[in-house]
Amino acid sequence: MYKRFELLLEKNKVTAAEVSRRTGILKSTLSKWKYGISTPKMDKLKLIADFFHVSVEWLAGYDNPNETFEYQVEISFVDKV
């Protein structure tokens, strides 16, 4: 997660201190994530994702923006008599 956070910092030319100030997430919390002392909880991930206008899934590393996935969903209904 922190690698993507650093990527967003660089891309948006903003510091972790600024993100901390604008999201209310303590700088010490960001440091703990950076050094692997703790992992972010969903509410904090959401704040950061919203700040940078990215998905929580992307920020958490669950999807790859360089890949596209095509899938088809088939829904069938069963009549109950």
C-alpha atoms as a PDB file:
ATOM      1  CA  MET A   1       0.000   0.000   0.000  1.00  0.00           C
ATOM      2  CA  TYR A   2       2.691   2.496   0.948  1.00  0.00           C
ATOM      3  CA  LYS A   3       4.429   2.200  -2.428  1.00  0.00           C
ATOM      4  CA  ARG A   4       1.237   3.295  -4.127  1.00  0.00           C
ATOM      5  CA  PHE A   5       0.816   6.077  -1.576  1.00  0.00           C
ATOM      6  CA  GLU A   6       4.333   7.307  -2.400  1.00  0.00           C
ATOM      7  CA  LEU A   7       3.528   7.115  -6.102  1.00  0.00           C
ATOM      8  CA  LEU A   8       0.479   9.316  -5.524  1.00  0.00           C
ATOM      9  CA  LEU A   9       2.530  11.776  -3.471  1.00  0.00           C
ATOM     10  CA  GLU A  10       5.056  12.102  -6.264  1.00  0.00           C
ATOM     11  CA  LYS A  11       2.507  12.261  -9.070  1.00  0.00           C
ATOM     12  CA  ASN A  12       0.446  14.924  -7.302  1.00  0.00           C
ATOM     13  CA  LYS A  13       3.447  16.860  -5.973  1.00  0.00           C
ATOM     14  CA  VAL A  14       2.177  16.752  -2.408  1.00  0.00           C
ATOM     15  CA  THR A  15       3.912  15.759   0.816  1.00  0.00           C
ATOM     16  CA  ALA A  16       2.842  13.190   3.374  1.00  0.00           C
ATOM     17  CA  ALA A  17       2.602  16.068   5.848  1.00  0.00           C
ATOM     18  CA  GLU A  18       0.069  17.803   3.597  1.00  0.00           C
ATOM     19  CA  VAL A  19      -1.968  14.608   3.247  1.00  0.00           C
ATOM     20  CA  SER A  20      -1.853  14.245   7.020  1.00  0.00           C
ATOM     21  CA  ARG A  21      -3.066  17.801   7.545  1.00  0.00           C
ATOM     22  CA  ARG A  22      -5.863  17.557   5.001  1.00  0.00           C
ATOM     23  CA  THR A  23      -7.127  14.084   5.939  1.00  0.00           C
ATOM     24  CA  GLY A  24      -6.596  14.187   9.699  1.00  0.00           C
ATOM     25  CA  ILE A  25      -4.409  11.074   9.612  1.00  0.00           C
ATOM     26  CA  LEU A  26      -1.494  11.558  11.968  1.00  0.00           C
ATOM     27  CA  LYS A  27       1.984  11.807  10.440  1.00  0.00           C
ATOM     28  CA  SER A  28       3.104   9.169  12.930  1.00  0.00           C
ATOM     29  CA  THR A  29       0.442   6.821  11.549  1.00  0.00           C
ATOM     30  CA  LEU A  30       1.749   7.347   8.017  1.00  0.00           C
ATOM     31  CA  SER A  31       5.272   6.620   9.259  1.00  0.00           C
ATOM     32  CA  LYS A  32       4.127   3.394  10.909  1.00  0.00           C
ATOM     33  CA  TRP A  33       2.649   2.287   7.591  1.00  0.00           C
ATOM     34  CA  LYS A  34       5.834   3.238   5.755  1.00  0.00           C
ATOM     35  CA  TYR A  35       8.031   1.131   8.026  1.00  0.00           C
ATOM     36  CA  GLY A  36       5.611  -1.777   8.288  1.00  0.00           C
ATOM     37  CA  ILE A  37       4.918  -1.239  11.983  1.00  0.00           C
ATOM     38  CA  SER A  38       1.185  -1.221  11.329  1.00  0.00           C
ATOM     39  CA  THR A  39      -1.210  -1.539   8.427  1.00  0.00           C
ATOM     40  CA  PRO A  40      -3.934   0.934   7.543  1.00  0.00           C
ATOM     41  CA  LYS A  41      -7.512   0.331   8.526  1.00  0.00           C
ATOM     42  CA  MET A  42     -10.248   0.651   5.941  1.00  0.00           C
ATOM     43  CA  ASP A  43     -11.466   4.045   7.156  1.00  0.00           C
ATOM     44  CA  LYS A  44      -7.980   5.535   6.747  1.00  0.00           C
ATOM     45  CA  LEU A  45      -7.528   3.941   3.327  1.00  0.00           C
ATOM     46  CA  LYS A  46     -10.838   5.492   2.289  1.00  0.00           C
ATOM     47  CA  LEU A  47      -9.710   8.957   3.410  1.00  0.00           C
ATOM     48  CA  ILE A  48      -6.518   8.702   1.383  1.00  0.00           C
ATOM     49  CA  ALA A  49      -8.261   7.194  -1.644  1.00  0.00           C
ATOM     50  CA  ASP A  50     -10.825   9.987  -1.596  1.00  0.00           C
ATOM     51  CA  PHE A  51      -8.096  12.609  -1.221  1.00  0.00           C
ATOM     52  CA  PHE A  52      -6.306  11.345  -4.341  1.00  0.00           C
ATOM     53  CA  HIS A  53      -9.464  10.325  -6.232  1.00  0.00           C
ATOM     54  CA  VAL A  54      -8.422   6.680  -6.577  1.00  0.00           C
ATOM     55  CA  SER A  55     -10.185   3.507  -5.533  1.00  0.00           C
ATOM     56  CA  VAL A  56      -9.531   1.930  -2.159  1.00  0.00           C
ATOM     57  CA  GLU A  57      -8.877  -1.335  -3.993  1.00  0.00           C
ATOM     58  CA  TRP A  58      -6.153   0.221  -6.100  1.00  0.00           C
ATOM     59  CA  LEU A  59      -4.558   1.943  -3.111  1.00  0.00           C
ATOM     60  CA  ALA A  60      -4.571  -1.314  -1.147  1.00  0.00           C
ATOM     61  CA  GLY A  61      -2.957  -3.142  -4.073  1.00  0.00           C
ATOM     62  CA  TYR A  62      -5.886  -5.366  -4.964  1.00  0.00           C
ATOM     63  CA  ASP A  63      -6.083  -4.454  -8.602  1.00  0.00           C
ATOM     64  CA  ASN A  64      -3.657  -3.586 -11.323  1.00  0.00           C
ATOM     65  CA  PRO A  65      -4.488  -0.454 -13.310  1.00  0.00           C
ATOM     66  CA  ASN A  66      -2.368  -1.676 -16.206  1.00  0.00           C
ATOM     67  CA  GLU A  67      -4.536  -4.723 -16.792  1.00  0.00           C
ATOM     68  CA  THR A  68      -8.073  -4.872 -18.018  1.00  0.00           C
ATOM     69  CA  PHE A  69     -10.337  -7.688 -17.045  1.00  0.00           C
ATOM     70  CA  GLU A  70     -13.175  -8.777 -19.198  1.00  0.00           C
ATOM     71  CA  TYR A  71     -15.817 -10.964 -17.746  1.00  0.00           C
ATOM     72  CA  GLN A  72     -19.387 -11.842 -18.390  1.00  0.00           C
ATOM     73  CA  VAL A  73     -22.023 -12.399 -15.781  1.00  0.00           C
ATOM     74  CA  GLU A  74     -24.919 -14.665 -16.544  1.00  0.00           C
ATOM     75  CA  ILE A  75     -28.010 -14.344 -14.419  1.00  0.00           C
ATOM     76  CA  SER A  76     -30.686 -16.961 -14.539  1.00  0.00           C
ATOM     77  CA  PHE A  77     -33.984 -16.953 -12.762  1.00  0.00           C
ATOM     78  CA  VAL A  78     -35.654 -20.065 -11.489  1.00  0.00           C
ATOM     79  CA  ASP A  79     -39.416 -20.007 -11.263  1.00  0.00           C
ATOM     80  CA  LYS A  80     -40.658 -21.358  -7.985  1.00  0.00           C
ATOM     81  CA  VAL A  81     -44.068 -22.945  -8.182  1.00  0.00           C
END
